[in-house]
Amino acid sequence: MDNKFLGVLLVVVLITSLFSLGLVYLSARSLFGVISGHATSTGEANLSVETSATINFTTNTISWGSGRVNAGSSSAGLNTFAINNVTNGNWTLQQGGGLRIQNLGNLNVSLNLSGTKTAAQLIGGTGPSYLWNISNVETDSCRNATGGVSFLNLNVFYAVNTSTAEYCRFFQFNDSQDTIRIDFNLTIPSDSLTGVLTDTITATAFPAPY
């Protein structure tokens, strides 16, 4: 009888001892975590930046005022350069330097340009011309399809187109490389249209292909 009691007591003591050891282990584990700083948690910060294709005419008007072809001349020449911008006429250019376009967005764009009138429609008369040229105000603002700038020549003018055409494949947005100009060269014949002669230039930007 005593042996059975001792056996049961031994089992109870053993179970109690194991349970106590378990509590000590769990308590020590929790305490160690608090003291050592091993308890960790993570957070996350994120945002997204939208792309923006934005251009702006920083100089949006060209005016030579009122004038006429000099007597005895068959035509007068007008351009938007800073000097020598009127020949054989008495017009006065209000501000040299052409139209100015700046890339205000955060990506490179392809620039398309169009006018609404041909030389005959805008100026009329015998042998009129209405030409424009694209060039950099800030170095390398506009690059061509291969990344070069050889086609950008301030002395080369092309007939203003009434349908949209690409003039700058790679118009950069960097602050020091984001401004171009459009210069004009007009021939006004002595028998041109009279009155206020105007045209509207539209610039459209699309994300550049690279």
Foldseek 3Di string as FASTA:
>chain_A
DVVVVVVVVVVVVVVVVVVVVVVVVVVVVVVCCVVVVVDDDDDDDDDDDDWDFDKDFPAFDKDQDDKAAAPPDFKWKAKQAQPPGIGRMDTHIPHHDATKMFGQIDAWWWKKKAKADFQCRQKNDPDKAKWKAKAFPFPQQFAAPVSHDVVRDPPDIDTGHHDIDTDGLTGDNPPRRTMMHMMIMIMHGNPIDDDDGDMHMDMDIDGHPD
